Amino acid sequence: MQRKTFAAKLLITMIALMITAYIVPGIYVSGFIAGLLAALILGFVNAVFKPIFTILTLPFTIITFGLFLFVINGLMLLITAAFVPGFYISGIFSAIIASIILSFINWILEGILD
């Protein structure tokens, strides 16, 4: 198994974000630079804030058999959208749907490159 570089992971996430924005209504990415910046900020937000949210909401995650993680992922997308000009999400429902689709597309793209 080959280890992906930071640039490869960033590019995969950017492509997945662009595809997700095309599929999900309520998600908008204005262009390549906005997509790249959104992927970069999303990686940072997932590394810093997601573990904190996951620990604080662990009882909800256990009660919902892990489905609450989709809500956490949606919140990470909303936080990212707040910091990136040209990346817009209309609301939490769009963010949750986008997080599911984004995860699936990321999984497919990483599988293709392995």
PDB file of N, CA and C in Angstrom:
ATOM      1  N   MET A   1       0.845  -1.180   0.000  1.00  0.00           N
ATOM      2  CA  MET A   1       0.000   0.000   0.000  1.00  0.00           C
ATOM      3  C   MET A   1       0.888   1.239   0.000  1.00  0.00           C
ATOM      4  N   GLN A   2       0.565   2.151  -0.855  1.00  0.00           N
ATOM      5  CA  GLN A   2       1.352   3.362  -1.020  1.00  0.00           C
ATOM      6  C   GLN A   2       0.858   4.459  -0.075  1.00  0.00           C
ATOM      7  N   ARG A   3       1.783   5.188   0.503  1.00  0.00           N
ATOM      8  CA  ARG A   3       1.434   6.285   1.393  1.00  0.00           C
ATOM      9  C   ARG A   3       1.233   7.549   0.567  1.00  0.00           C
ATOM     10  N   LYS A   4       0.057   8.182   0.739  1.00  0.00           N
ATOM     11  CA  LYS A   4      -0.252   9.381  -0.024  1.00  0.00           C
ATOM     12  C   LYS A   4       0.435  10.602   0.587  1.00  0.00           C
ATOM     13  N   THR A   5       0.866  11.492  -0.262  1.00  0.00           N
ATOM     14  CA  THR A   5       1.463  12.733   0.204  1.00  0.00           C
ATOM     15  C   THR A   5       0.368  13.705   0.614  1.00  0.00           C
ATOM     16  N   PHE A   6       0.783  14.737   1.314  1.00  0.00           N
ATOM     17  CA  PHE A   6      -0.153  15.775   1.731  1.00  0.00           C
ATOM     18  C   PHE A   6      -0.837  16.406   0.526  1.00  0.00           C
ATOM     19  N   ALA A   7      -0.067  16.682  -0.521  1.00  0.00           N
ATOM     20  CA  ALA A   7      -0.619  17.309  -1.724  1.00  0.00           C
ATOM     21  C   ALA A   7      -1.653  16.408  -2.395  1.00  0.00           C
ATOM     22  N   ALA A   8      -1.407  15.105  -2.422  1.00  0.00           N
ATOM     23  CA  ALA A   8      -2.355  14.173  -3.028  1.00  0.00           C
ATOM     24  C   ALA A   8      -3.659  14.133  -2.241  1.00  0.00           C
ATOM     25  N   LYS A   9      -3.550  14.092  -0.914  1.00  0.00           N
ATOM     26  CA  LYS A   9      -4.755  14.088  -0.080  1.00  0.00           C
ATOM     27  C   LYS A   9      -5.535  15.385  -0.241  1.00  0.00           C
ATOM     28  N   LEU A  10      -4.818  16.500  -0.310  1.00  0.00           N
ATOM     29  CA  LEU A  10      -5.457  17.804  -0.493  1.00  0.00           C
ATOM     30  C   LEU A  10      -6.189  17.861  -1.828  1.00  0.00           C
ATOM     31  N   LEU A  11      -5.555  17.375  -2.879  1.00  0.00           N
ATOM     32  CA  LEU A  11      -6.174  17.371  -4.201  1.00  0.00           C
ATOM     33  C   LEU A  11      -7.399  16.461  -4.245  1.00  0.00           C
ATOM     34  N   ILE A  12      -7.312  15.298  -3.617  1.00  0.00           N
ATOM     35  CA  ILE A  12      -8.456  14.379  -3.565  1.00  0.00           C
ATOM     36  C   ILE A  12      -9.626  15.034  -2.843  1.00  0.00           C
ATOM     37  N   THR A  13      -9.348  15.676  -1.718  1.00  0.00           N
ATOM     38  CA  THR A  13     -10.410  16.331  -0.962  1.00  0.00           C
ATOM     39  C   THR A  13     -11.013  17.481  -1.755  1.00  0.00           C
ATOM     40  N   MET A  14     -10.187  18.244  -2.466  1.00  0.00           N
ATOM     41  CA  MET A  14     -10.686  19.352  -3.270  1.00  0.00           C
ATOM     42  C   MET A  14     -11.609  18.840  -4.382  1.00  0.00           C
ATOM     43  N   ILE A  15     -11.190  17.789  -5.070  1.00  0.00           N
ATOM     44  CA  ILE A  15     -12.015  17.218  -6.140  1.00  0.00           C
ATOM     45  C   ILE A  15     -13.323  16.691  -5.559  1.00  0.00           C
ATOM     46  N   ALA A  16     -13.244  16.024  -4.414  1.00  0.00           N
ATOM     47  CA  ALA A  16     -14.456  15.505  -3.763  1.00  0.00           C
ATOM     48  C   ALA A  16     -15.392  16.648  -3.355  1.00  0.00           C
ATOM     49  N   LEU A  17     -14.839  17.752  -2.872  1.00  0.00           N
ATOM     50  CA  LEU A  17     -15.661  18.920  -2.516  1.00  0.00           C
ATOM     51  C   LEU A  17     -16.348  19.499  -3.745  1.00  0.00           C
ATOM     52  N   MET A  18     -15.627  19.595  -4.850  1.00  0.00           N
ATOM     53  CA  MET A  18     -16.203  20.142  -6.082  1.00  0.00           C
ATOM     54  C   MET A  18     -17.333  19.244  -6.602  1.00  0.00           C
ATOM     55  N   ILE A  19     -17.117  17.931  -6.568  1.00  0.00           N
ATOM     56  CA  ILE A  19     -18.156  16.994  -7.009  1.00  0.00           C
ATOM     57  C   ILE A  19     -19.363  17.072  -6.078  1.00  0.00           C
ATOM     58  N   THR A  20     -19.104  17.143  -4.774  1.00  0.00           N
ATOM     59  CA  THR A  20     -20.190  17.240  -3.796  1.00  0.00           C
ATOM     60  C   THR A  20     -20.991  18.514  -4.016  1.00  0.00           C
ATOM     61  N   ALA A  21     -20.321  19.621  -4.291  1.00  0.00           N
ATOM     62  CA  ALA A  21     -21.017  20.888  -4.539  1.00  0.00           C
ATOM     63  C   ALA A  21     -21.882  20.800  -5.793  1.00  0.00           C
ATOM     64  N   TYR A  22     -21.445  20.011  -6.753  1.00  0.00           N
ATOM     65  CA  TYR A  22     -22.235  19.821  -7.966  1.00  0.00           C
ATOM     66  C   TYR A  22     -23.483  18.980  -7.700  1.00  0.00           C
ATOM     67  N   ILE A  23     -23.374  18.008  -6.789  1.00  0.00           N
ATOM     68  CA  ILE A  23     -24.469  17.070  -6.526  1.00  0.00           C
ATOM     69  C   ILE A  23     -25.479  17.623  -5.528  1.00  0.00           C
ATOM     70  N   VAL A  24     -25.007  18.221  -4.439  1.00  0.00           N
ATOM     71  CA  VAL A  24     -25.873  18.597  -3.326  1.00  0.00           C
ATOM     72  C   VAL A  24     -26.364  20.039  -3.490  1.00  0.00           C
ATOM     73  N   PRO A  25     -27.682  20.231  -3.517  1.00  0.00           N
ATOM     74  CA  PRO A  25     -28.187  21.607  -3.541  1.00  0.00           C
ATOM     75  C   PRO A  25     -27.882  22.291  -2.203  1.00  0.00           C
ATOM     76  N   GLY A  26     -27.538  23.557  -2.258  1.00  0.00           N
ATOM     77  CA  GLY A  26     -27.218  24.287  -1.038  1.00  0.00           C
ATOM     78  C   GLY A  26     -25.733  24.357  -0.757  1.00  0.00           C
ATOM     79  N   ILE A  27     -24.913  23.744  -1.614  1.00  0.00           N
ATOM     80  CA  ILE A  27     -23.458  23.804  -1.477  1.00  0.00           C
ATOM     81  C   ILE A  27     -22.931  24.513  -2.720  1.00  0.00           C
ATOM     82  N   TYR A  28     -22.027  25.461  -2.510  1.00  0.00           N
ATOM     83  CA  TYR A  28     -21.479  26.223  -3.627  1.00  0.00           C
ATOM     84  C   TYR A  28     -19.984  26.424  -3.431  1.00  0.00           C
ATOM     85  N   VAL A  29     -19.214  26.083  -4.455  1.00  0.00           N
ATOM     86  CA  VAL A  29     -17.776  26.358  -4.482  1.00  0.00           C
ATOM     87  C   VAL A  29     -17.530  27.211  -5.723  1.00  0.00           C
ATOM     88  N   SER A  30     -16.976  28.407  -5.526  1.00  0.00           N
ATOM     89  CA  SER A  30     -16.867  29.360  -6.629  1.00  0.00           C
ATOM     90  C   SER A  30     -15.800  29.003  -7.661  1.00  0.00           C
ATOM     91  N   GLY A  31     -14.813  28.213  -7.296  1.00  0.00           N
ATOM     92  CA  GLY A  31     -13.783  27.868  -8.268  1.00  0.00           C
ATOM     93  C   GLY A  31     -12.672  27.038  -7.666  1.00  0.00           C
ATOM     94  N   PHE A  32     -11.614  26.881  -8.444  1.00  0.00           N
ATOM     95  CA  PHE A  32     -10.490  26.028  -8.057  1.00  0.00           C
ATOM     96  C   PHE A  32      -9.823  26.511  -6.767  1.00  0.00           C
ATOM     97  N   ILE A  33      -9.545  27.807  -6.665  1.00  0.00           N
ATOM     98  CA  ILE A  33      -8.850  28.353  -5.493  1.00  0.00           C
ATOM     99  C   ILE A  33      -9.722  28.205  -4.247  1.00  0.00           C
ATOM    100  N   ALA A  34     -11.013  28.500  -4.375  1.00  0.00           N
ATOM    101  CA  ALA A  34     -11.921  28.336  -3.232  1.00  0.00           C
ATOM    102  C   ALA A  34     -11.996  26.871  -2.811  1.00  0.00           C
ATOM    103  N   GLY A  35     -12.028  25.957  -3.781  1.00  0.00           N
ATOM    104  CA  GLY A  35     -12.054  24.529  -3.472  1.00  0.00           C
ATOM    105  C   GLY A  35     -10.782  24.069  -2.789  1.00  0.00           C
ATOM    106  N   LEU A  36      -9.646  24.557  -3.267  1.00  0.00           N
ATOM    107  CA  LEU A  36      -8.360  24.203  -2.668  1.00  0.00           C
ATOM    108  C   LEU A  36      -8.244  24.745  -1.249  1.00  0.00           C
ATOM    109  N   LEU A  37      -8.647  25.997  -1.060  1.00  0.00           N
ATOM    110  CA  LEU A  37      -8.611  26.597   0.273  1.00  0.00           C
ATOM    111  C   LEU A  37      -9.592  25.895   1.217  1.00  0.00           C
ATOM    112  N   ALA A  38     -10.773  25.543   0.703  1.00  0.00           N
ATOM    113  CA  ALA A  38     -11.754  24.820   1.519  1.00  0.00           C
ATOM    114  C   ALA A  38     -11.217  23.458   1.940  1.00  0.00           C
ATOM    115  N   ALA A  39     -10.543  22.754   1.034  1.00  0.00           N
ATOM    116  CA  ALA A  39      -9.964  21.450   1.368  1.00  0.00           C
ATOM    117  C   ALA A  39      -8.886  21.597   2.430  1.00  0.00           C
ATOM    118  N   LEU A  40      -8.075  22.634   2.306  1.00  0.00           N
ATOM    119  CA  LEU A  40      -7.009  22.885   3.275  1.00  0.00           C
ATOM    120  C   LEU A  40      -7.584  23.215   4.659  1.00  0.00           C
ATOM    121  N   ILE A  41      -8.550  24.117   4.696  1.00  0.00           N
ATOM    122  CA  ILE A  41      -9.169  24.508   5.971  1.00  0.00           C
ATOM    123  C   ILE A  41      -9.953  23.339   6.562  1.00  0.00           C
ATOM    124  N   LEU A  42     -10.629  22.555   5.716  1.00  0.00           N
ATOM    125  CA  LEU A  42     -11.376  21.389   6.211  1.00  0.00           C
ATOM    126  C   LEU A  42     -10.439  20.388   6.872  1.00  0.00           C
ATOM    127  N   GLY A  43      -9.288  20.175   6.284  1.00  0.00           N
ATOM    128  CA  GLY A  43      -8.300  19.283   6.901  1.00  0.00           C
ATOM    129  C   GLY A  43      -7.865  19.791   8.258  1.00  0.00           C
ATOM    130  N   PHE A  44      -7.630  21.092   8.365  1.00  0.00           N
ATOM    131  CA  PHE A  44      -7.242  21.700   9.638  1.00  0.00           C
ATOM    132  C   PHE A  44      -8.371  21.591  10.666  1.00  0.00           C
ATOM    133  N   VAL A  45      -9.587  21.919  10.247  1.00  0.00           N
ATOM    134  CA  VAL A  45     -10.748  21.858  11.149  1.00  0.00           C
ATOM    135  C   VAL A  45     -10.968  20.427  11.631  1.00  0.00           C
ATOM    136  N   ASN A  46     -10.837  19.454  10.723  1.00  0.00           N
ATOM    137  CA  ASN A  46     -10.996  18.047  11.111  1.00  0.00           C
ATOM    138  C   ASN A  46      -9.907  17.595  12.079  1.00  0.00           C
ATOM    139  N   ALA A  47      -8.718  18.130  11.916  1.00  0.00           N
ATOM    140  CA  ALA A  47      -7.619  17.739  12.805  1.00  0.00           C
ATOM    141  C   ALA A  47      -7.720  18.394  14.181  1.00  0.00           C
ATOM    142  N   VAL A  48      -8.213  19.611  14.247  1.00  0.00           N
ATOM    143  CA  VAL A  48      -8.226  20.355  15.507  1.00  0.00           C
ATOM    144  C   VAL A  48      -9.563  20.246  16.249  1.00  0.00           C
ATOM    145  N   PHE A  49     -10.664  20.541  15.560  1.00  0.00           N
ATOM    146  CA  PHE A  49     -11.956  20.645  16.232  1.00  0.00           C
ATOM    147  C   PHE A  49     -12.748  19.339  16.302  1.00  0.00           C
ATOM    148  N   LYS A  50     -12.617  18.497  15.281  1.00  0.00           N
ATOM    149  CA  LYS A  50     -13.422  17.270  15.246  1.00  0.00           C
ATOM    150  C   LYS A  50     -13.179  16.348  16.446  1.00  0.00           C
ATOM    151  N   PRO A  51     -11.922  16.134  16.889  1.00  0.00           N
ATOM    152  CA  PRO A  51     -11.740  15.284  18.073  1.00  0.00           C
ATOM    153  C   PRO A  51     -12.413  15.862  19.327  1.00  0.00           C
ATOM    154  N   ILE A  52     -12.387  17.174  19.466  1.00  0.00           N
ATOM    155  CA  ILE A  52     -13.032  17.810  20.619  1.00  0.00           C
ATOM    156  C   ILE A  52     -14.533  17.593  20.570  1.00  0.00           C
ATOM    157  N   PHE A  53     -15.147  17.852  19.407  1.00  0.00           N
ATOM    158  CA  PHE A  53     -16.591  17.649  19.251  1.00  0.00           C
ATOM    159  C   PHE A  53     -16.961  16.189  19.468  1.00  0.00           C
ATOM    160  N   THR A  54     -16.129  15.281  18.968  1.00  0.00           N
ATOM    161  CA  THR A  54     -16.418  13.853  19.090  1.00  0.00           C
ATOM    162  C   THR A  54     -16.401  13.413  20.551  1.00  0.00           C
ATOM    163  N   ILE A  55     -15.441  13.877  21.303  1.00  0.00           N
ATOM    164  CA  ILE A  55     -15.369  13.511  22.722  1.00  0.00           C
ATOM    165  C   ILE A  55     -16.525  14.119  23.512  1.00  0.00           C
ATOM    166  N   LEU A  56     -16.834  15.382  23.236  1.00  0.00           N
ATOM    167  CA  LEU A  56     -17.914  16.051  23.974  1.00  0.00           C
ATOM    168  C   LEU A  56     -19.290  15.448  23.671  1.00  0.00           C
ATOM    169  N   THR A  57     -19.460  14.896  22.489  1.00  0.00           N
ATOM    170  CA  THR A  57     -20.765  14.342  22.105  1.00  0.00           C
ATOM    171  C   THR A  57     -20.768  12.812  22.105  1.00  0.00           C
ATOM    172  N   LEU A  58     -19.813  12.216  22.781  1.00  0.00           N
ATOM    173  CA  LEU A  58     -19.708  10.758  22.801  1.00  0.00           C
ATOM    174  C   LEU A  58     -20.996  10.047  23.258  1.00  0.00           C
ATOM    175  N   PRO A  59     -21.699  10.539  24.295  1.00  0.00           N
ATOM    176  CA  PRO A  59     -22.957   9.864  24.668  1.00  0.00           C
ATOM    177  C   PRO A  59     -23.989   9.844  23.529  1.00  0.00           C
ATOM    178  N   PHE A  60     -24.122  10.970  22.793  1.00  0.00           N
ATOM    179  CA  PHE A  60     -25.057  11.011  21.659  1.00  0.00           C
ATOM    180  C   PHE A  60     -24.609  10.057  20.556  1.00  0.00           C
ATOM    181  N   THR A  61     -23.322   9.991  20.339  1.00  0.00           N
ATOM    182  CA  THR A  61     -22.786   9.114  19.304  1.00  0.00           C
ATOM    183  C   THR A  61     -23.054   7.654  19.655  1.00  0.00           C
ATOM    184  N   ILE A  62     -22.897   7.299  20.906  1.00  0.00           N
ATOM    185  CA  ILE A  62     -23.154   5.924  21.338  1.00  0.00           C
ATOM    186  C   ILE A  62     -24.638   5.596  21.232  1.00  0.00           C
ATOM    187  N   ILE A  63     -25.492   6.508  21.695  1.00  0.00           N
ATOM    188  CA  ILE A  63     -26.937   6.278  21.657  1.00  0.00           C
ATOM    189  C   ILE A  63     -27.441   6.124  20.223  1.00  0.00           C
ATOM    190  N   THR A  64     -26.860   6.884  19.289  1.00  0.00           N
ATOM    191  CA  THR A  64     -27.303   6.834  17.893  1.00  0.00           C
ATOM    192  C   THR A  64     -26.489   5.846  17.052  1.00  0.00           C
ATOM    193  N   PHE A  65     -25.710   4.999  17.723  1.00  0.00           N
ATOM    194  CA  PHE A  65     -24.896   3.980  17.045  1.00  0.00           C
ATOM    195  C   PHE A  65     -23.953   4.605  16.012  1.00  0.00           C
ATOM    196  N   GLY A  66     -23.410   5.767  16.332  1.00  0.00           N
ATOM    197  CA  GLY A  66     -22.435   6.418  15.476  1.00  0.00           C
ATOM    198  C   GLY A  66     -22.997   7.361  14.432  1.00  0.00           C
ATOM    199  N   LEU A  67     -24.322   7.394  14.291  1.00  0.00           N
ATOM    200  CA  LEU A  67     -24.917   8.257  13.274  1.00  0.00           C
ATOM    201  C   LEU A  67     -24.733   9.738  13.584  1.00  0.00           C
ATOM    202  N   PHE A  68     -24.526  10.079  14.849  1.00  0.00           N
ATOM    203  CA  PHE A  68     -24.312  11.480  15.207  1.00  0.00           C
ATOM    204  C   PHE A  68     -23.006  12.010  14.620  1.00  0.00           C
ATOM    205  N   LEU A  69     -22.111  11.119  14.239  1.00  0.00           N
ATOM    206  CA  LEU A  69     -20.862  11.548  13.594  1.00  0.00           C
ATOM    207  C   LEU A  69     -21.128  12.278  12.279  1.00  0.00           C
ATOM    208  N   PHE A  70     -22.237  11.937  11.600  1.00  0.00           N
ATOM    209  CA  PHE A  70     -22.605  12.670  10.388  1.00  0.00           C
ATOM    210  C   PHE A  70     -22.926  14.129  10.713  1.00  0.00           C
ATOM    211  N   VAL A  71     -23.568  14.352  11.849  1.00  0.00           N
ATOM    212  CA  VAL A  71     -23.860  15.723  12.277  1.00  0.00           C
ATOM    213  C   VAL A  71     -22.564  16.460  12.580  1.00  0.00           C
ATOM    214  N   ILE A  72     -21.646  15.797  13.255  1.00  0.00           N
ATOM    215  CA  ILE A  72     -20.343  16.414  13.558  1.00  0.00           C
ATOM    216  C   ILE A  72     -19.608  16.755  12.265  1.00  0.00           C
ATOM    217  N   ASN A  73     -19.617  15.838  11.296  1.00  0.00           N
ATOM    218  CA  ASN A  73     -18.971  16.111  10.010  1.00  0.00           C
ATOM    219  C   ASN A  73     -19.632  17.291   9.300  1.00  0.00           C
ATOM    220  N   GLY A  74     -20.957  17.376   9.393  1.00  0.00           N
ATOM    221  CA  GLY A  74     -21.666  18.519   8.817  1.00  0.00           C
ATOM    222  C   GLY A  74     -21.263  19.821   9.486  1.00  0.00           C
ATOM    223  N   LEU A  75     -21.103  19.784  10.805  1.00  0.00           N
ATOM    224  CA  LEU A  75     -20.649  20.984  11.524  1.00  0.00           C
ATOM    225  C   LEU A  75     -19.247  21.387  11.110  1.00  0.00           C
ATOM    226  N   MET A  76     -18.388  20.411  10.847  1.00  0.00           N
ATOM    227  CA  MET A  76     -17.029  20.731  10.388  1.00  0.00           C
ATOM    228  C   MET A  76     -17.079  21.424   9.021  1.00  0.00           C
ATOM    229  N   LEU A  77     -17.996  20.992   8.162  1.00  0.00           N
ATOM    230  CA  LEU A  77     -18.161  21.661   6.870  1.00  0.00           C
ATOM    231  C   LEU A  77     -18.685  23.083   7.048  1.00  0.00           C
ATOM    232  N   LEU A  78     -19.627  23.263   7.974  1.00  0.00           N
ATOM    233  CA  LEU A  78     -20.152  24.618   8.228  1.00  0.00           C
ATOM    234  C   LEU A  78     -19.076  25.543   8.783  1.00  0.00           C
ATOM    235  N   ILE A  79     -18.239  25.024   9.671  1.00  0.00           N
ATOM    236  CA  ILE A  79     -17.132  25.830  10.210  1.00  0.00           C
ATOM    237  C   ILE A  79     -16.184  26.212   9.075  1.00  0.00           C
ATOM    238  N   THR A  80     -15.898  25.267   8.195  1.00  0.00           N
ATOM    239  CA  THR A  80     -15.028  25.542   7.057  1.00  0.00           C
ATOM    240  C   THR A  80     -15.629  26.621   6.162  1.00  0.00           C
ATOM    241  N   ALA A  81     -16.922  26.511   5.892  1.00  0.00           N
ATOM    242  CA  ALA A  81     -17.595  27.490   5.031  1.00  0.00           C
ATOM    243  C   ALA A  81     -17.561  28.895   5.644  1.00  0.00           C
ATOM    244  N   ALA A  82     -17.535  28.974   6.970  1.00  0.00           N
ATOM    245  CA  ALA A  82     -17.484  30.281   7.629  1.00  0.00           C
ATOM    246  C   ALA A  82     -16.146  30.977   7.402  1.00  0.00           C
ATOM    247  N   PHE A  83     -15.094  30.219   7.144  1.00  0.00           N
ATOM    248  CA  PHE A  83     -13.757  30.791   6.995  1.00  0.00           C
ATOM    249  C   PHE A  83     -13.292  30.939   5.543  1.00  0.00           C
ATOM    250  N   VAL A  84     -13.967  30.287   4.614  1.00  0.00           N
ATOM    251  CA  VAL A  84     -13.485  30.278   3.232  1.00  0.00           C
ATOM    252  C   VAL A  84     -14.417  31.102   2.344  1.00  0.00           C
ATOM    253  N   PRO A  85     -13.913  32.212   1.799  1.00  0.00           N
ATOM    254  CA  PRO A  85     -14.729  32.952   0.835  1.00  0.00           C
ATOM    255  C   PRO A  85     -14.863  32.140  -0.455  1.00  0.00           C
ATOM    256  N   GLY A  86     -16.064  32.112  -0.991  1.00  0.00           N
ATOM    257  CA  GLY A  86     -16.306  31.331  -2.204  1.00  0.00           C
ATOM    258  C   GLY A  86     -16.773  29.917  -1.936  1.00  0.00           C
ATOM    259  N   PHE A  87     -16.875  29.539  -0.672  1.00  0.00           N
ATOM    260  CA  PHE A  87     -17.391  28.226  -0.280  1.00  0.00           C
ATOM    261  C   PHE A  87     -18.592  28.480   0.619  1.00  0.00           C
ATOM    262  N   TYR A  88     -19.777  28.060   0.167  1.00  0.00           N
ATOM    263  CA  TYR A  88     -21.019  28.390   0.863  1.00  0.00           C
ATOM    264  C   TYR A  88     -21.842  27.135   1.091  1.00  0.00           C
ATOM    265  N   ILE A  89     -22.415  27.034   2.290  1.00  0.00           N
ATOM    266  CA  ILE A  89     -23.347  25.954   2.617  1.00  0.00           C
ATOM    267  C   ILE A  89     -24.591  26.610   3.201  1.00  0.00           C
ATOM    268  N   SER A  90     -25.761  26.259   2.675  1.00  0.00           N
ATOM    269  CA  SER A  90     -26.994  26.949   3.051  1.00  0.00           C
ATOM    270  C   SER A  90     -27.500  26.607   4.447  1.00  0.00           C
ATOM    271  N   GLY A  91     -27.176  25.439   4.974  1.00  0.00           N
ATOM    272  CA  GLY A  91     -27.676  25.082   6.298  1.00  0.00           C
ATOM    273  C   GLY A  91     -27.167  23.732   6.756  1.00  0.00           C
ATOM    274  N   ILE A  92     -27.591  23.353   7.956  1.00  0.00           N
ATOM    275  CA  ILE A  92     -27.096  22.124   8.570  1.00  0.00           C
ATOM    276  C   ILE A  92     -27.537  20.884   7.799  1.00  0.00           C
ATOM    277  N   PHE A  93     -28.763  20.888   7.271  1.00  0.00           N
ATOM    278  CA  PHE A  93     -29.233  19.718   6.529  1.00  0.00           C
ATOM    279  C   PHE A  93     -28.382  19.498   5.279  1.00  0.00           C
ATOM    280  N   SER A  94     -28.109  20.556   4.538  1.00  0.00           N
ATOM    281  CA  SER A  94     -27.242  20.449   3.363  1.00  0.00           C
ATOM    282  C   SER A  94     -25.843  20.001   3.771  1.00  0.00           C
ATOM    283  N   ALA A  95     -25.362  20.489   4.906  1.00  0.00           N
ATOM    284  CA  ALA A  95     -24.025  20.122   5.378  1.00  0.00           C
ATOM    285  C   ALA A  95     -23.953  18.644   5.746  1.00  0.00           C
ATOM    286  N   ILE A  96     -24.991  18.125   6.376  1.00  0.00           N
ATOM    287  CA  ILE A  96     -24.998  16.708   6.757  1.00  0.00           C
ATOM    288  C   ILE A  96     -25.046  15.817   5.514  1.00  0.00           C
ATOM    289  N   ILE A  97     -25.915  16.159   4.571  1.00  0.00           N
ATOM    290  CA  ILE A  97     -25.991  15.391   3.320  1.00  0.00           C
ATOM    291  C   ILE A  97     -24.654  15.474   2.579  1.00  0.00           C
ATOM    292  N   ALA A  98     -24.077  16.671   2.545  1.00  0.00           N
ATOM    293  CA  ALA A  98     -22.790  16.856   1.882  1.00  0.00           C
ATOM    294  C   ALA A  98     -21.694  16.047   2.559  1.00  0.00           C
ATOM    295  N   SER A  99     -21.720  15.956   3.889  1.00  0.00           N
ATOM    296  CA  SER A  99     -20.685  15.192   4.587  1.00  0.00           C
ATOM    297  C   SER A  99     -20.758  13.708   4.239  1.00  0.00           C
ATOM    298  N   ILE A 100     -21.959  13.192   4.073  1.00  0.00           N
ATOM    299  CA  ILE A 100     -22.128  11.785   3.696  1.00  0.00           C
ATOM    300  C   ILE A 100     -21.597  11.558   2.280  1.00  0.00           C
ATOM    301  N   ILE A 101     -22.002  12.418   1.366  1.00  0.00           N
ATOM    302  CA  ILE A 101     -21.578  12.271  -0.026  1.00  0.00           C
ATOM    303  C   ILE A 101     -20.078  12.522  -0.160  1.00  0.00           C
ATOM    304  N   LEU A 102     -19.568  13.528   0.556  1.00  0.00           N
ATOM    305  CA  LEU A 102     -18.136  13.834   0.520  1.00  0.00           C
ATOM    306  C   LEU A 102     -17.310  12.647   0.999  1.00  0.00           C
ATOM    307  N   SER A 103     -17.738  12.006   2.069  1.00  0.00           N
ATOM    308  CA  SER A 103     -17.032  10.831   2.582  1.00  0.00           C
ATOM    309  C   SER A 103     -17.022   9.706   1.554  1.00  0.00           C
ATOM    310  N   PHE A 104     -18.152   9.505   0.911  1.00  0.00           N
ATOM    311  CA  PHE A 104     -18.261   8.442  -0.093  1.00  0.00           C
ATOM    312  C   PHE A 104     -17.365   8.727  -1.296  1.00  0.00           C
ATOM    313  N   ILE A 105     -17.392   9.957  -1.790  1.00  0.00           N
ATOM    314  CA  ILE A 105     -16.570  10.322  -2.949  1.00  0.00           C
ATOM    315  C   ILE A 105     -15.087  10.244  -2.594  1.00  0.00           C
ATOM    316  N   ASN A 106     -14.727  10.709  -1.396  1.00  0.00           N
ATOM    317  CA  ASN A 106     -13.332  10.606  -0.933  1.00  0.00           C
ATOM    318  C   ASN A 106     -12.882   9.148  -0.916  1.00  0.00           C
ATOM    319  N   TRP A 107     -13.735   8.280  -0.411  1.00  0.00           N
ATOM    320  CA  TRP A 107     -13.427   6.857  -0.337  1.00  0.00           C
ATOM    321  C   TRP A 107     -13.199   6.279  -1.733  1.00  0.00           C
ATOM    322  N   ILE A 108     -14.056   6.652  -2.685  1.00  0.00           N
ATOM    323  CA  ILE A 108     -13.918   6.151  -4.055  1.00  0.00           C
ATOM    324  C   ILE A 108     -12.617   6.659  -4.684  1.00  0.00           C
ATOM    325  N   LEU A 109     -12.353   7.967  -4.558  1.00  0.00           N
ATOM    326  CA  LEU A 109     -11.152   8.536  -5.169  1.00  0.00           C
ATOM    327  C   LEU A 109      -9.867   7.962  -4.557  1.00  0.00           C
ATOM    328  N   GLU A 110      -9.858   7.777  -3.248  1.00  0.00           N
ATOM    329  CA  GLU A 110      -8.679   7.185  -2.622  1.00  0.00           C
ATOM    330  C   GLU A 110      -8.504   5.730  -3.047  1.00  0.00           C
ATOM    331  N   GLY A 111      -9.603   5.023  -3.242  1.00  0.00           N
ATOM    332  CA  GLY A 111      -9.535   3.650  -3.715  1.00  0.00           C
ATOM    333  C   GLY A 111      -8.992   3.549  -5.125  1.00  0.00           C
ATOM    334  N   ILE A 112      -9.353   4.497  -5.962  1.00  0.00           N
ATOM    335  CA  ILE A 112      -8.860   4.514  -7.346  1.00  0.00           C
ATOM    336  C   ILE A 112      -7.355   4.756  -7.363  1.00  0.00           C
ATOM    337  N   LEU A 113      -6.865   5.634  -6.487  1.00  0.00           N
ATOM    338  CA  LEU A 113      -5.448   5.974  -6.481  1.00  0.00           C
ATOM    339  C   LEU A 113      -4.570   4.958  -5.769  1.00  0.00           C
ATOM    340  N   ASP A 114      -5.161   4.057  -5.016  1.00  0.00           N
ATOM    341  CA  ASP A 114      -4.343   3.034  -4.327  1.00  0.00           C
ATOM    342  C   ASP A 114      -3.938   1.905  -5.238  1.00  0.00           C
TER     343      ASP A 114
END
